[in-house]
Amino acid sequence: MPDILKQIEILGEEYRISLNNPVCRFKANPILNSHNVNAIWQEPHLKVLTVHNAGVTQYNGQTIMLFRSHLRNGISVIGKAISKDGLTNWKINDKPFLKPCTKNDKIADNLNISEIIENESGGVEDPRITNINNTFYITYSAYHGTIKDRVRVSLASTKDFKSITRYGPVLDVDMRNVVIFPGEFNNKYAALFRPNDHTIEQTGGIYSEIKIGYADKISENKWQISKDTIIKQSGGPSAFSSKIGPGAPPIKTKHGWINIFHGVRNTMDGNPYVLGIALHELNNPEKVRVSNIPILFPSKNDCRVNNNDYVHVPNVVFTCGAIRKPDGTIFIYYGGNDTVMNAGISHEDILAELCNRYPQNSKTGQPLYEI
């Protein structure tokens, strides 16, 4: 079957999107790096080494980016930047947007702030933003300060990206990569979850499963998680064979809900992260088609840094946010090597066609097309 092509012009440059090249790297990558942030955060204790894994959304006609940065002491904080075109001229807020919780922060009623402070004392990272009726729900990973590898995805909300209310852990289990659908299904809200193994190992087991959950009210953190997985890898040959997890909150399109996820395959030289694509039915997100072909592999161009700059994790592309434009163009915001923020240009027609033409068994990862 022939390839299909979308030619998209962005800021005077042409990008040719196709099944062979489903994501084009923005030619001016990286769009944000540690030097940009350090020019604004000038106090020594706020100097950062990285800018990556950012959630994004539209607000008041501009693009809001909530980015993760490692401080030099190893703790992550979340900063805020704003751009009119979503690609250039980012204005960085003069202080972090979200830091580990203190007694001065606002929490929901009936919560114990001491527990939230303990829960977040090791850092906050990887925000995802979902807009529902002009309330912006932010899920983020919160690390315990003294218990190794204990992480709880937690929830906050804002209406103006100035004041924030925290709601505590989404679930009281080790968890990362929780993304909320920006819509309702039979009067319930839906989210995708990637549970963690209860081991030190970083890949394998339920790291290779994505589940779906439903709640009557997002801020109550009372999610009912489905027993069945909706996307699973069996461990066979695949770019996603060792680990998968939801990335950006799903995007509503004429084809269905586009879900950009990440996948990992163990190699002799590390664990490269790639981006994959799945398509959920509009009225039933449990029905899903998954492309067996990733949409983005890591390359040297994903981490353009100075010779003396720190690079955190090689061979990683990782997304926490994407934005759809009215013509179906999709900007994918992704971290390169957990070090810099990049943008990729794609189109909903291309991403959906990959799921339709080159699917895999959503419960095993095996290809469903002839190779």
Protein backbone atom coordinates (compact mmCIF):
# COMPACT_ATOMS: atom_id res chain seq x y z
CA MET A 1 0.00 0.00 0.00
CA PRO A 2 1.31 3.46 -0.80
CA ASP A 3 2.56 5.96 1.72
CA ILE A 4 0.48 9.06 2.44
CA LEU A 5 1.86 12.56 2.82
CA LYS A 6 0.96 15.74 4.68
CA GLN A 7 2.94 18.88 3.89
CA ILE A 8 2.76 21.36 6.76
CA GLU A 9 4.31 24.82 6.95
CA ILE A 10 5.36 25.98 10.41
CA LEU A 11 7.03 29.39 10.89
CA GLY A 12 8.14 29.48 7.27
CA GLU A 13 9.58 25.95 7.25
CA GLU A 14 8.02 22.95 5.48
CA TYR A 15 7.54 19.63 7.27
CA ARG A 16 6.67 16.49 5.29
CA ILE A 17 4.72 14.08 7.51
CA SER A 18 4.19 10.52 6.27
CA LEU A 19 3.83 6.92 7.40
CA ASN A 20 7.59 6.60 6.91
CA ASN A 21 8.23 9.79 8.88
CA PRO A 22 5.23 10.28 11.19
CA VAL A 23 6.93 12.89 13.40
CA CYS A 24 9.23 15.60 12.07
CA ARG A 25 11.55 17.22 14.56
CA PHE A 26 11.05 20.97 14.88
CA LYS A 27 14.05 22.48 13.10
CA ALA A 28 14.86 24.88 15.94
CA ASN A 29 15.00 22.21 18.69
CA PRO A 30 15.51 22.35 21.58
CA ILE A 31 12.72 24.77 22.36
CA LEU A 32 13.80 25.12 26.01
CA ASN A 33 16.91 24.13 27.93
CA SER A 34 18.61 24.62 31.29
CA HIS A 35 20.41 27.77 30.16
CA ASN A 36 17.08 29.45 29.38
CA VAL A 37 15.79 28.61 32.85
CA ASN A 38 18.99 29.51 34.69
CA ALA A 39 18.92 32.95 33.09
CA ILE A 40 15.68 33.53 35.02
CA TRP A 41 16.17 31.42 38.16
CA GLN A 42 19.38 33.05 39.30
CA GLU A 43 19.52 32.00 42.96
CA PRO A 44 22.13 29.25 43.44
CA HIS A 45 19.72 26.79 45.08
CA LEU A 46 17.40 27.03 42.05
CA LYS A 47 19.98 26.41 39.33
CA VAL A 48 18.88 23.46 37.16
CA LEU A 49 20.61 20.83 35.06
CA THR A 50 17.70 19.76 32.85
CA VAL A 51 14.43 20.91 31.30
CA HIS A 52 12.25 18.03 30.10
CA ASN A 53 9.01 16.01 30.30
CA ALA A 54 6.63 18.95 30.10
CA GLY A 55 2.85 19.04 30.23
CA VAL A 56 1.23 21.54 27.86
CA THR A 57 -2.15 23.13 27.31
CA GLN A 58 -3.82 26.15 25.71
CA TYR A 59 -4.81 29.01 28.01
CA ASN A 60 -6.00 32.51 27.03
CA GLY A 61 -4.85 31.99 23.45
CA GLN A 62 -1.32 30.99 24.45
CA THR A 63 0.52 27.75 25.13
CA ILE A 64 1.32 26.98 28.75
CA MET A 65 4.21 24.60 29.38
CA LEU A 66 4.83 23.05 32.79
CA PHE A 67 8.33 21.60 32.57
CA ARG A 68 10.31 19.35 34.89
CA SER A 69 13.80 20.39 35.96
CA HIS A 70 16.43 18.67 38.08
CA LEU A 71 17.98 20.93 40.67
CA ARG A 72 21.66 20.32 41.31
CA ASN A 73 20.83 18.44 44.53
CA GLY A 74 18.88 15.84 42.50
CA ILE A 75 15.36 16.95 43.46
CA SER A 76 12.95 17.79 40.63
CA VAL A 77 10.68 20.83 40.51
CA ILE A 78 8.14 21.99 37.93
CA GLY A 79 8.47 25.35 36.18
CA LYS A 80 6.14 27.34 33.94
CA ALA A 81 6.74 28.90 30.52
CA ILE A 82 4.37 30.63 28.09
CA SER A 83 4.58 31.04 24.30
CA LYS A 84 2.27 32.69 21.78
CA ASP A 85 2.99 30.18 19.00
CA GLY A 86 3.80 27.18 21.19
CA LEU A 87 7.30 26.83 19.75
CA THR A 88 9.35 29.97 20.21
CA ASN A 89 9.94 32.94 22.51
CA TRP A 90 9.09 31.15 25.73
CA LYS A 91 8.64 33.42 28.73
CA ILE A 92 9.71 31.60 31.86
CA ASN A 93 8.10 32.39 35.19
CA ASP A 94 10.54 33.83 37.72
CA LYS A 95 10.09 30.98 40.20
CA PRO A 96 9.06 27.29 40.10
CA PHE A 97 5.36 26.66 39.57
CA LEU A 98 5.24 23.49 41.71
CA LYS A 99 7.78 22.45 44.33
CA PRO A 100 7.61 19.82 47.08
CA CYS A 101 4.67 20.75 49.28
CA THR A 102 5.07 23.01 52.32
CA LYS A 103 2.69 24.11 55.06
CA ASN A 104 2.03 27.30 53.10
CA ASP A 105 0.51 25.45 50.13
CA LYS A 106 -3.21 25.02 49.57
CA ILE A 107 -4.70 21.54 49.86
CA ALA A 108 -8.24 20.21 49.55
CA ASP A 109 -10.43 19.91 52.61
CA ASN A 110 -10.12 16.83 54.84
CA LEU A 111 -6.53 16.13 53.82
CA ASN A 112 -3.53 15.90 56.13
CA ILE A 113 -0.93 18.35 54.86
CA SER A 114 1.85 16.59 56.78
CA GLU A 115 1.21 13.44 54.74
CA ILE A 116 1.34 15.39 51.47
CA ILE A 117 4.56 17.11 52.55
CA GLU A 118 6.11 13.71 53.31
CA ASN A 119 4.80 12.29 50.05
CA GLU A 120 6.43 15.04 47.93
CA SER A 121 9.64 15.69 49.85
CA GLY A 122 11.75 13.81 47.28
CA GLY A 123 10.59 15.95 44.36
CA VAL A 124 7.75 16.50 41.89
CA GLU A 125 7.99 15.70 38.20
CA ASP A 126 6.41 14.73 34.85
CA PRO A 127 3.22 16.85 34.89
CA ARG A 128 0.29 16.10 32.58
CA ILE A 129 -2.45 18.69 32.08
CA THR A 130 -6.11 17.99 31.23
CA ASN A 131 -8.59 20.81 30.68
CA ILE A 132 -12.16 19.97 31.71
CA ASN A 133 -14.62 22.88 31.69
CA ASN A 134 -11.79 25.38 32.21
CA THR A 135 -10.43 23.61 35.26
CA PHE A 136 -6.92 22.34 34.53
CA TYR A 137 -6.18 19.06 36.31
CA ILE A 138 -2.49 18.27 36.70
CA THR A 139 -1.24 14.79 37.48
CA TYR A 140 2.40 14.58 38.56
CA SER A 141 4.78 12.08 40.11
CA ALA A 142 5.59 12.78 43.77
CA TYR A 143 8.62 11.10 45.34
CA HIS A 144 9.10 10.26 49.01
CA GLY A 145 12.18 11.87 50.50
CA THR A 146 13.61 8.84 52.31
CA ILE A 147 11.93 5.67 51.00
CA LYS A 148 13.76 4.50 47.89
CA ASP A 149 11.68 4.29 44.70
CA ARG A 150 8.41 5.20 46.43
CA VAL A 151 6.39 7.32 44.04
CA ARG A 152 2.74 8.33 44.08
CA VAL A 153 1.07 10.05 41.15
CA SER A 154 -0.65 13.02 42.74
CA LEU A 155 -3.28 15.50 41.62
CA ALA A 156 -3.54 19.29 41.62
CA SER A 157 -5.81 21.74 39.85
CA THR A 158 -5.78 25.37 38.78
CA LYS A 159 -8.01 27.74 36.88
CA ASP A 160 -5.47 30.49 36.25
CA PHE A 161 -2.00 28.87 36.47
CA LYS A 162 -1.28 31.10 39.45
CA SER A 163 -3.03 29.47 42.40
CA ILE A 164 -2.93 25.69 42.86
CA THR A 165 -4.93 23.25 44.99
CA ARG A 166 -3.43 19.86 45.83
CA TYR A 167 -5.58 16.73 46.26
CA GLY A 168 -2.92 14.20 47.22
CA PRO A 169 -2.18 10.80 45.64
CA VAL A 170 -4.48 9.57 42.89
CA LEU A 171 -4.02 6.03 44.24
CA ASP A 172 -2.14 4.92 47.33
CA VAL A 173 0.14 2.56 45.41
CA ASP A 174 3.39 3.03 43.52
CA MET A 175 2.36 4.53 40.22
CA ARG A 176 3.64 6.72 37.41
CA ASN A 177 2.21 7.93 34.11
CA VAL A 178 -1.44 8.67 34.87
CA VAL A 179 -3.23 10.67 32.16
CA ILE A 180 -6.84 11.88 32.28
CA PHE A 181 -9.13 11.98 29.24
CA PRO A 182 -10.54 15.49 28.62
CA GLY A 183 -14.12 14.26 28.41
CA GLU A 184 -16.82 12.08 29.98
CA PHE A 185 -17.98 8.56 29.20
CA ASN A 186 -21.46 7.64 30.49
CA ASN A 187 -21.20 10.44 33.08
CA LYS A 188 -17.85 9.21 34.34
CA TYR A 189 -14.32 10.46 33.86
CA ALA A 190 -11.64 8.14 32.50
CA ALA A 191 -7.89 7.91 32.92
CA LEU A 192 -5.05 5.64 31.82
CA PHE A 193 -2.79 4.13 34.48
CA ARG A 194 0.56 2.34 34.42
CA PRO A 195 1.09 0.51 37.72
CA ASN A 196 4.61 -0.13 39.01
CA ASP A 197 6.08 -3.44 40.02
CA HIS A 198 6.74 -3.80 43.75
CA THR A 199 10.40 -4.47 43.03
CA ILE A 200 13.56 -2.51 42.37
CA GLU A 201 13.54 -3.64 38.74
CA GLN A 202 12.74 -0.86 36.28
CA THR A 203 11.26 -2.98 33.50
CA GLY A 204 9.08 -6.05 33.15
CA GLY A 205 5.97 -7.37 34.89
CA ILE A 206 3.16 -4.84 35.15
CA TYR A 207 5.48 -2.16 33.81
CA SER A 208 4.30 -3.57 30.48
CA GLU A 209 0.58 -2.98 31.10
CA ILE A 210 -1.71 0.03 30.72
CA LYS A 211 -5.03 -0.07 32.52
CA ILE A 212 -8.08 2.19 32.43
CA GLY A 213 -9.98 3.57 35.39
CA TYR A 214 -13.17 5.57 35.96
CA ALA A 215 -14.29 8.10 38.55
CA ASP A 216 -17.43 10.11 39.27
CA LYS A 217 -15.38 13.13 40.30
CA ILE A 218 -11.73 13.72 39.47
CA SER A 219 -10.78 15.66 42.59
CA GLU A 220 -11.97 12.93 44.99
CA ASN A 221 -9.26 10.47 43.84
CA LYS A 222 -11.69 7.54 43.95
CA TRP A 223 -10.76 5.67 40.78
CA GLN A 224 -12.09 2.22 39.97
CA ILE A 225 -9.38 0.49 37.96
CA SER A 226 -10.41 -2.14 35.44
CA LYS A 227 -9.09 -5.63 36.15
CA ASP A 228 -8.32 -6.13 32.47
CA THR A 229 -5.47 -4.35 30.75
CA ILE A 230 -6.30 -2.45 27.58
CA ILE A 231 -2.72 -2.36 26.24
CA LYS A 232 -0.21 -5.04 27.15
CA GLN A 233 3.11 -6.39 25.92
CA SER A 234 3.91 -10.08 26.20
CA GLY A 235 7.68 -9.64 26.02
CA GLY A 236 8.22 -10.71 22.43
CA PRO A 237 10.29 -8.73 19.93
CA SER A 238 9.02 -5.16 19.92
CA ALA A 239 10.23 -1.62 20.46
CA PHE A 240 7.80 -1.65 23.41
CA SER A 241 8.61 -5.13 24.73
CA SER A 242 10.01 -4.25 28.17
CA LYS A 243 7.97 -1.30 29.36
CA ILE A 244 5.08 0.92 28.25
CA GLY A 245 3.18 3.81 29.74
CA PRO A 246 0.79 6.58 28.73
CA GLY A 247 2.48 9.83 27.76
CA ALA A 248 0.37 12.81 26.73
CA PRO A 249 -3.30 13.08 27.77
CA PRO A 250 -5.42 11.66 24.93
CA ILE A 251 -6.35 14.02 22.10
CA LYS A 252 -9.85 13.99 20.61
CA THR A 253 -9.90 13.73 16.79
CA LYS A 254 -12.33 12.66 14.07
CA HIS A 255 -10.56 9.27 14.07
CA GLY A 256 -10.84 8.66 17.80
CA TRP A 257 -8.79 9.52 20.89
CA ILE A 258 -5.11 9.67 19.95
CA ASN A 259 -2.93 8.31 22.76
CA ILE A 260 0.80 8.98 22.45
CA PHE A 261 2.60 6.57 24.78
CA HIS A 262 6.19 5.59 25.50
CA GLY A 263 7.81 2.19 25.16
CA VAL A 264 11.13 0.63 26.11
CA ARG A 265 13.10 -2.33 24.83
CA ASN A 266 16.05 -3.73 26.78
CA THR A 267 19.26 -3.83 24.72
CA MET A 268 22.88 -4.75 25.29
CA ASP A 269 23.58 -1.01 25.64
CA GLY A 270 20.74 0.29 27.78
CA ASN A 271 17.00 0.87 27.55
CA PRO A 272 16.05 3.18 24.67
CA TYR A 273 12.70 4.95 25.00
CA VAL A 274 10.53 5.44 21.91
CA LEU A 275 7.12 7.01 21.33
CA GLY A 276 4.20 4.88 20.18
CA ILE A 277 0.64 5.63 19.10
CA ALA A 278 -2.74 4.12 19.98
CA LEU A 279 -6.26 5.05 18.89
CA HIS A 280 -9.19 4.70 21.31
CA GLU A 281 -12.81 4.74 20.14
CA LEU A 282 -14.51 8.06 20.84
CA ASN A 283 -17.40 6.62 22.86
CA ASN A 284 -15.63 3.62 24.33
CA PRO A 285 -11.98 4.19 25.27
CA GLU A 286 -11.54 0.53 26.19
CA LYS A 287 -11.66 -0.34 22.48
CA VAL A 288 -8.23 0.49 21.18
CA ARG A 289 -6.00 -0.06 18.15
CA VAL A 290 -2.25 0.14 18.71
CA SER A 291 0.33 0.76 16.00
CA ASN A 292 3.09 -1.85 16.03
CA ILE A 293 5.40 0.78 14.53
CA PRO A 294 6.73 3.52 16.84
CA ILE A 295 6.39 7.12 15.71
CA LEU A 296 9.69 8.45 17.10
CA PHE A 297 13.05 6.89 17.99
CA PRO A 298 15.73 8.79 19.92
CA SER A 299 18.57 10.36 17.95
CA LYS A 300 21.53 12.67 18.48
CA ASN A 301 19.37 15.57 17.33
CA ASP A 302 17.12 15.13 20.36
CA CYS A 303 19.76 16.37 22.79
CA ARG A 304 21.61 19.33 21.34
CA VAL A 305 23.69 20.68 24.22
CA ASN A 306 26.98 22.46 24.81
CA ASN A 307 30.09 20.34 25.29
CA ASN A 308 30.17 21.06 29.02
CA ASP A 309 26.46 20.45 29.64
CA TYR A 310 25.16 17.59 31.75
CA VAL A 311 23.19 14.86 29.93
CA HIS A 312 20.90 12.88 32.21
CA VAL A 313 19.76 9.65 30.44
CA PRO A 314 20.92 8.74 26.90
CA ASN A 315 18.60 7.43 24.17
CA VAL A 316 15.30 8.73 25.54
CA VAL A 317 12.34 10.48 23.94
CA PHE A 318 9.48 11.00 26.39
CA THR A 319 6.29 13.02 26.12
CA CYS A 320 3.89 14.38 28.71
CA GLY A 321 1.92 16.68 26.42
CA ALA A 322 0.68 17.35 22.89
CA ILE A 323 -1.59 19.93 21.30
CA ARG A 324 -3.89 19.55 18.29
CA LYS A 325 -4.28 22.46 15.89
CA PRO A 326 -7.57 23.14 14.00
CA ASP A 327 -6.21 21.59 10.77
CA GLY A 328 -5.29 18.31 12.50
CA THR A 329 -1.61 19.16 12.93
CA ILE A 330 -0.31 17.91 16.27
CA PHE A 331 2.59 19.42 18.19
CA ILE A 332 4.23 16.73 20.33
CA TYR A 333 6.34 18.09 23.18
CA TYR A 334 9.01 15.65 24.27
CA GLY A 335 12.09 15.50 26.42
CA GLY A 336 15.37 14.48 24.80
CA ASN A 337 17.67 12.34 26.95
CA ASP A 338 15.81 13.67 30.02
CA THR A 339 17.84 16.83 29.40
CA VAL A 340 16.18 19.30 26.99
CA MET A 341 12.67 20.08 25.72
CA ASN A 342 11.89 19.45 22.05
CA ALA A 343 8.89 19.67 19.77
CA GLY A 344 7.78 17.29 17.02
CA ILE A 345 5.34 18.05 14.20
CA SER A 346 2.78 15.40 13.21
CA HIS A 347 -0.77 15.06 11.89
CA GLU A 348 -3.79 13.15 13.17
CA ASP A 349 -4.43 11.48 9.78
CA ILE A 350 -0.95 9.96 9.70
CA LEU A 351 -1.04 8.78 13.32
CA ALA A 352 -4.49 7.21 12.92
CA GLU A 353 -3.49 5.48 9.69
CA LEU A 354 -0.51 3.84 11.38
CA CYS A 355 -2.93 2.28 13.88
CA ASN A 356 -5.29 1.16 11.11
CA ARG A 357 -2.71 -0.15 8.66
CA TYR A 358 -0.02 -1.61 10.94
CA PRO A 359 -1.80 -2.70 14.15
CA GLN A 360 -0.64 -5.04 16.86
CA ASN A 361 -2.62 -7.28 19.16
CA SER A 362 -3.39 -4.85 21.99
CA LYS A 363 -3.05 -7.63 24.59
CA THR A 364 0.21 -9.23 23.40
CA GLY A 365 2.04 -6.75 21.19
CA GLN A 366 2.24 -9.18 18.28
CA PRO A 367 1.89 -7.67 14.77
CA LEU A 368 -1.50 -8.14 13.07
CA TYR A 369 -0.22 -7.42 9.58
CA GLU A 370 1.99 -9.37 7.19
CA ILE A 371 5.66 -8.42 7.41
